[in-house]
C-alpha atoms as a PDB file:
ATOM      1  CA  UNK A   1     -70.916  -0.068 -77.469  1.00  0.00           C
ATOM      2  CA  UNK A   2     -70.283   1.795 -74.268  1.00  0.00           C
ATOM      3  CA  UNK A   3     -69.201   0.060 -71.112  1.00  0.00           C
ATOM      4  CA  UNK A   4     -70.270   1.137 -67.636  1.00  0.00           C
ATOM      5  CA  UNK A   5     -67.782   3.244 -65.710  1.00  0.00           C
ATOM      6  CA  UNK A   6     -67.460   2.956 -61.967  1.00  0.00           C
ATOM      7  CA  UNK A   7     -65.239   4.943 -59.668  1.00  0.00           C
ATOM      8  CA  UNK A   8     -64.129   2.950 -56.680  1.00  0.00           C
ATOM      9  CA  UNK A   9     -63.835   4.652 -53.332  1.00  0.00           C
ATOM     10  CA  UNK A  10     -60.281   5.371 -52.200  1.00  0.00           C
ATOM     11  CA  UNK A  11     -58.421   2.521 -50.567  1.00  0.00           C
ATOM     12  CA  UNK A  12     -59.297   2.560 -46.885  1.00  0.00           C
ATOM     13  CA  UNK A  13     -56.774   3.509 -44.252  1.00  0.00           C
ATOM     14  CA  UNK A  14     -56.392   0.172 -42.582  1.00  0.00           C
ATOM     15  CA  UNK A  15     -55.035  -0.538 -39.170  1.00  0.00           C
ATOM     16  CA  UNK A  16     -57.030  -3.289 -37.530  1.00  0.00           C
ATOM     17  CA  UNK A  17     -57.460  -3.650 -33.830  1.00  0.00           C
ATOM     18  CA  UNK A  18     -56.420  -7.309 -33.930  1.00  0.00           C
ATOM     19  CA  UNK A  19     -58.431  -9.951 -32.158  1.00  0.00           C
ATOM     20  CA  UNK A  20     -61.658  -7.998 -32.501  1.00  0.00           C
ATOM     21  CA  UNK A  21     -64.905  -8.887 -30.816  1.00  0.00           C
ATOM     22  CA  UNK A  22     -66.315 -12.329 -31.488  1.00  0.00           C
ATOM     23  CA  UNK A  23     -69.885 -11.862 -32.686  1.00  0.00           C
ATOM     24  CA  UNK A  24     -70.820 -15.411 -31.639  1.00  0.00           C
ATOM     25  CA  UNK A  25     -72.480 -16.084 -34.977  1.00  0.00           C
ATOM     26  CA  UNK A  26     -71.543 -17.577 -38.314  1.00  0.00           C
ATOM     27  CA  UNK A  27     -73.628 -15.277 -40.567  1.00  0.00           C
ATOM     28  CA  UNK A  28     -73.972 -11.492 -40.806  1.00  0.00           C
ATOM     29  CA  UNK A  29     -75.634  -9.483 -43.594  1.00  0.00           C
ATOM     30  CA  UNK A  30     -74.499  -5.915 -44.097  1.00  0.00           C
ATOM     31  CA  UNK A  31     -75.239  -3.610 -47.049  1.00  0.00           C
ATOM     32  CA  UNK A  32     -76.606  -6.397 -49.250  1.00  0.00           C
ATOM     33  CA  UNK A  33     -73.568  -8.625 -48.652  1.00  0.00           C
ATOM     34  CA  UNK A  34     -73.706 -11.783 -46.528  1.00  0.00           C
ATOM     35  CA  UNK A  35     -70.628 -12.979 -44.636  1.00  0.00           C
ATOM     36  CA  UNK A  36     -70.637 -16.623 -43.531  1.00  0.00           C
ATOM     37  CA  UNK A  37     -67.796 -18.123 -41.501  1.00  0.00           C
ATOM     38  CA  UNK A  38     -67.134 -21.711 -40.556  1.00  0.00           C
ATOM     39  CA  UNK A  39     -68.746 -22.112 -37.090  1.00  0.00           C
ATOM     40  CA  UNK A  40     -69.027 -18.852 -35.105  1.00  0.00           C
ATOM     41  CA  UNK A  41     -65.796 -17.202 -36.216  1.00  0.00           C
ATOM     42  CA  UNK A  42     -67.149 -13.857 -37.428  1.00  0.00           C
ATOM     43  CA  UNK A  43     -65.669 -10.932 -35.592  1.00  0.00           C
ATOM     44  CA  UNK A  44     -66.141  -7.181 -35.543  1.00  0.00           C
ATOM     45  CA  UNK A  45     -62.994  -5.088 -35.685  1.00  0.00           C
ATOM     46  CA  UNK A  46     -62.309  -1.358 -35.604  1.00  0.00           C
ATOM     47  CA  UNK A  47     -59.999   0.458 -37.996  1.00  0.00           C
ATOM     48  CA  UNK A  48     -57.636   3.264 -37.027  1.00  0.00           C
ATOM     49  CA  UNK A  49     -60.598   5.667 -36.962  1.00  0.00           C
ATOM     50  CA  UNK A  50     -62.890   3.474 -34.866  1.00  0.00           C
ATOM     51  CA  UNK A  51     -65.022   2.453 -37.873  1.00  0.00           C
ATOM     52  CA  UNK A  52     -66.268  -1.130 -37.496  1.00  0.00           C
ATOM     53  CA  UNK A  53     -65.730  -3.767 -40.151  1.00  0.00           C
ATOM     54  CA  UNK A  54     -66.195  -7.516 -40.389  1.00  0.00           C
ATOM     55  CA  UNK A  55     -63.734 -10.348 -40.591  1.00  0.00           C
ATOM     56  CA  UNK A  56     -63.110 -13.995 -39.896  1.00  0.00           C
ATOM     57  CA  UNK A  57     -61.262 -13.925 -36.575  1.00  0.00           C
ATOM     58  CA  UNK A  58     -59.832 -17.410 -36.905  1.00  0.00           C
ATOM     59  CA  UNK A  59     -58.345 -19.654 -39.569  1.00  0.00           C
ATOM     60  CA  UNK A  60     -60.917 -21.366 -41.745  1.00  0.00           C
ATOM     61  CA  UNK A  61     -63.340 -20.546 -44.524  1.00  0.00           C
ATOM     62  CA  UNK A  62     -65.166 -17.261 -45.069  1.00  0.00           C
ATOM     63  CA  UNK A  63     -67.900 -17.114 -47.719  1.00  0.00           C
ATOM     64  CA  UNK A  64     -69.021 -13.716 -48.988  1.00  0.00           C
ATOM     65  CA  UNK A  65     -72.094 -13.480 -51.222  1.00  0.00           C
ATOM     66  CA  UNK A  66     -74.403 -10.909 -52.771  1.00  0.00           C
ATOM     67  CA  UNK A  67     -77.406 -10.967 -55.090  1.00  0.00           C
ATOM     68  CA  UNK A  68     -75.739  -8.320 -57.266  1.00  0.00           C
ATOM     69  CA  UNK A  69     -73.644  -9.016 -60.348  1.00  0.00           C
ATOM     70  CA  UNK A  70     -70.510  -7.177 -59.137  1.00  0.00           C
ATOM     71  CA  UNK A  71     -68.659  -7.411 -55.833  1.00  0.00           C
ATOM     72  CA  UNK A  72     -65.509  -5.553 -54.821  1.00  0.00           C
ATOM     73  CA  UNK A  73     -63.692  -6.409 -51.601  1.00  0.00           C
ATOM     74  CA  UNK A  74     -60.729  -4.995 -49.759  1.00  0.00           C
ATOM     75  CA  UNK A  75     -59.109  -7.872 -47.880  1.00  0.00           C
ATOM     76  CA  UNK A  76     -56.538  -7.463 -45.136  1.00  0.00           C
ATOM     77  CA  UNK A  77     -54.864  -9.093 -42.166  1.00  0.00           C
ATOM     78  CA  UNK A  78     -53.921  -7.292 -38.983  1.00  0.00           C
ATOM     79  CA  UNK A  79     -51.229  -9.812 -38.069  1.00  0.00           C
ATOM     80  CA  UNK A  80     -49.166 -10.037 -41.248  1.00  0.00           C
ATOM     81  CA  UNK A  81     -48.739 -11.321 -44.767  1.00  0.00           C
ATOM     82  CA  UNK A  82     -50.605 -14.403 -45.882  1.00  0.00           C
ATOM     83  CA  UNK A  83     -51.757 -16.141 -49.021  1.00  0.00           C
ATOM     84  CA  UNK A  84     -55.490 -16.682 -49.237  1.00  0.00           C
ATOM     85  CA  UNK A  85     -57.106 -19.284 -51.507  1.00  0.00           C
ATOM     86  CA  UNK A  86     -60.462 -18.453 -53.086  1.00  0.00           C
ATOM     87  CA  UNK A  87     -63.154 -20.419 -54.894  1.00  0.00           C
ATOM     88  CA  UNK A  88     -65.627 -18.684 -57.211  1.00  0.00           C
ATOM     89  CA  UNK A  89     -67.850 -21.208 -58.989  1.00  0.00           C
ATOM     90  CA  UNK A  90     -65.452 -23.600 -60.707  1.00  0.00           C
ATOM     91  CA  UNK A  91     -62.563 -21.097 -60.543  1.00  0.00           C
ATOM     92  CA  UNK A  92     -59.939 -21.524 -57.833  1.00  0.00           C
ATOM     93  CA  UNK A  93     -56.995 -19.228 -57.249  1.00  0.00           C
ATOM     94  CA  UNK A  94     -55.008 -17.416 -54.617  1.00  0.00           C
ATOM     95  CA  UNK A  95     -54.078 -13.883 -53.656  1.00  0.00           C
ATOM     96  CA  UNK A  96     -51.478 -12.524 -51.287  1.00  0.00           C
ATOM     97  CA  UNK A  97     -52.027  -9.959 -48.575  1.00  0.00           C
ATOM     98  CA  UNK A  98     -48.535  -8.434 -48.617  1.00  0.00           C
ATOM     99  CA  UNK A  99     -48.073  -7.209 -45.050  1.00  0.00           C
ATOM    100  CA  UNK A 100     -49.725  -6.517 -41.734  1.00  0.00           C
ATOM    101  CA  UNK A 101     -52.148  -3.587 -41.836  1.00  0.00           C
ATOM    102  CA  UNK A 102     -52.297  -3.701 -45.633  1.00  0.00           C
ATOM    103  CA  UNK A 103     -55.203  -4.422 -47.979  1.00  0.00           C
ATOM    104  CA  UNK A 104     -55.640  -6.026 -51.378  1.00  0.00           C
ATOM    105  CA  UNK A 105     -58.541  -5.214 -53.714  1.00  0.00           C
ATOM    106  CA  UNK A 106     -60.383  -8.251 -55.098  1.00  0.00           C
ATOM    107  CA  UNK A 107     -63.236  -7.765 -57.585  1.00  0.00           C
ATOM    108  CA  UNK A 108     -65.682 -10.187 -59.184  1.00  0.00           C
ATOM    109  CA  UNK A 109     -68.391  -9.838 -61.809  1.00  0.00           C
ATOM    110  CA  UNK A 110     -71.035 -12.228 -63.052  1.00  0.00           C
ATOM    111  CA  UNK A 111     -73.295 -11.896 -66.080  1.00  0.00           C
ATOM    112  CA  UNK A 112     -76.410 -12.677 -64.101  1.00  0.00           C
ATOM    113  CA  UNK A 113     -75.462 -12.689 -60.417  1.00  0.00           C
ATOM    114  CA  UNK A 114     -75.627 -13.723 -57.669  1.00  0.00           C
ATOM    115  CA  UNK A 115     -71.986 -13.860 -56.623  1.00  0.00           C
ATOM    116  CA  UNK A 116     -70.578 -16.139 -53.952  1.00  0.00           C
ATOM    117  CA  UNK A 117     -66.869 -16.511 -53.203  1.00  0.00           C
ATOM    118  CA  UNK A 118     -65.217 -18.586 -50.474  1.00  0.00           C
ATOM    119  CA  UNK A 119     -61.839 -17.683 -49.006  1.00  0.00           C
ATOM    120  CA  UNK A 120     -59.720 -20.237 -47.154  1.00  0.00           C
ATOM    121  CA  UNK A 121     -57.142 -18.676 -44.899  1.00  0.00           C
ATOM    122  CA  UNK A 122     -54.465 -19.662 -42.384  1.00  0.00           C
ATOM    123  CA  UNK A 123     -55.019 -16.655 -40.155  1.00  0.00           C
ATOM    124  CA  UNK A 124     -57.743 -14.064 -39.728  1.00  0.00           C
ATOM    125  CA  UNK A 125     -59.000 -12.320 -42.837  1.00  0.00           C
ATOM    126  CA  UNK A 126     -60.525  -8.854 -42.543  1.00  0.00           C
ATOM    127  CA  UNK A 127     -62.895  -7.057 -44.901  1.00  0.00           C
ATOM    128  CA  UNK A 128     -62.565  -3.366 -44.003  1.00  0.00           C
ATOM    129  CA  UNK A 129     -64.449  -2.168 -47.087  1.00  0.00           C
ATOM    130  CA  UNK A 130     -66.663  -3.623 -49.805  1.00  0.00           C
ATOM    131  CA  UNK A 131     -68.913  -2.464 -52.647  1.00  0.00           C
ATOM    132  CA  UNK A 132     -71.630  -4.319 -54.535  1.00  0.00           C
ATOM    133  CA  UNK A 133     -73.662  -3.416 -57.617  1.00  0.00           C
ATOM    134  CA  UNK A 134     -75.933  -4.841 -60.259  1.00  0.00           C
ATOM    135  CA  UNK A 135     -74.415  -4.180 -63.655  1.00  0.00           C
ATOM    136  CA  UNK A 136     -76.541  -3.574 -66.717  1.00  0.00           C
ATOM    137  CA  UNK A 137     -74.744  -4.068 -69.987  1.00  0.00           C
ATOM    138  CA  UNK A 138     -75.816  -2.672 -73.330  1.00  0.00           C
ATOM    139  CA  UNK A 139     -76.910  -5.298 -75.845  1.00  0.00           C
ATOM    140  CA  UNK A 140     -74.410  -6.141 -78.544  1.00  0.00           C
ATOM    141  CA  UNK A 141     -75.467  -4.443 -81.788  1.00  0.00           C
ATOM    142  CA  UNK A 142     -76.541  -6.936 -84.441  1.00  0.00           C
ATOM    143  CA  UNK A 143     -74.873  -6.710 -87.855  1.00  0.00           C
ATOM    144  CA  UNK A 144     -78.204  -6.561 -89.775  1.00  0.00           C
ATOM    145  CA  UNK A 145     -77.967  -2.869 -90.798  1.00  0.00           C
ATOM    146  CA  UNK A 146     -74.626  -3.431 -92.569  1.00  0.00           C
ATOM    147  CA  UNK A 147     -75.883  -6.642 -94.173  1.00  0.00           C
ATOM    148  CA  UNK A 148     -78.960  -4.836 -95.487  1.00  0.00           C
ATOM    149  CA  UNK A 149     -76.810  -1.985 -96.838  1.00  0.00           C
ATOM    150  CA  UNK A 150     -74.582  -4.408 -98.752  1.00  0.00           C
ATOM    151  CA  UNK A 151     -77.623  -6.300-100.066  1.00  0.00           C
ATOM    152  CA  UNK A 152     -79.239  -3.017-101.169  1.00  0.00           C
ATOM    153  CA  UNK A 153     -76.051  -1.914-102.945  1.00  0.00           C
ATOM    154  CA  UNK A 154     -75.986  -5.265-104.726  1.00  0.00           C
ATOM    155  CA  UNK A 155     -79.604  -4.826-105.889  1.00  0.00           C
ATOM    156  CA  UNK A 156     -78.848  -1.328-107.179  1.00  0.00           C
ATOM    157  CA  UNK A 157     -75.826  -2.687-109.037  1.00  0.00           C
ATOM    158  CA  UNK A 158     -77.880  -5.521-110.534  1.00  0.00           C
ATOM    159  CA  UNK A 159     -80.628  -3.102-111.612  1.00  0.00           C
ATOM    160  CA  UNK A 160     -78.028  -0.829-113.248  1.00  0.00           C
ATOM    161  CA  UNK A 161     -76.506  -3.787-115.096  1.00  0.00           C
ATOM    162  CA  UNK A 162     -79.930  -4.893-116.378  1.00  0.00           C
ATOM    163  CA  UNK A 163     -80.701  -1.343-117.525  1.00  0.00           C
ATOM    164  CA  UNK A 164     -77.449  -1.192-119.494  1.00  0.00           C
ATOM    165  CA  UNK A 165     -78.234  -4.563-121.070  1.00  0.00           C
ATOM    166  CA  UNK A 166     -81.689  -3.319-122.197  1.00  0.00           C
ATOM    167  CA  UNK A 167     -80.188  -0.170-123.792  1.00  0.00           C
ATOM    168  CA  UNK A 168     -77.605  -2.122-125.708  1.00  0.00           C
END
């Protein structure tokens, strides 16, 4: 059985602009991924190269969802280290953004999709880069061919034993 192989893009150079521009909305869809913040806390930031990215510009909850079966996120914080709690279905956990202007990769897969994860944070949380995909997995091979081979060998052995018995 072969598994799919994906090459992730290089980790982005991250240096947020801090504060950002409040988009005045709670939902934005970009590249097949929907970002939903509590109230109107979504903001647009610029990295060190002037490339825009999205983030939650205030403390609260940020939900990120996609119809695909795989979602990879780089999460960061312009202001400093923080621990972020996440909820994915019935799974709850936490991850730490180690320092200001640093990112952490967070990836999720689901057998059928869609994926929806909610982050609860004490400060802003930035998403300077993300990737989504729909994974197709190869079916697990059934053991029937080996079972049939063993059964066939048994029949051949039984036939040989009966033949010997007839000759004797």
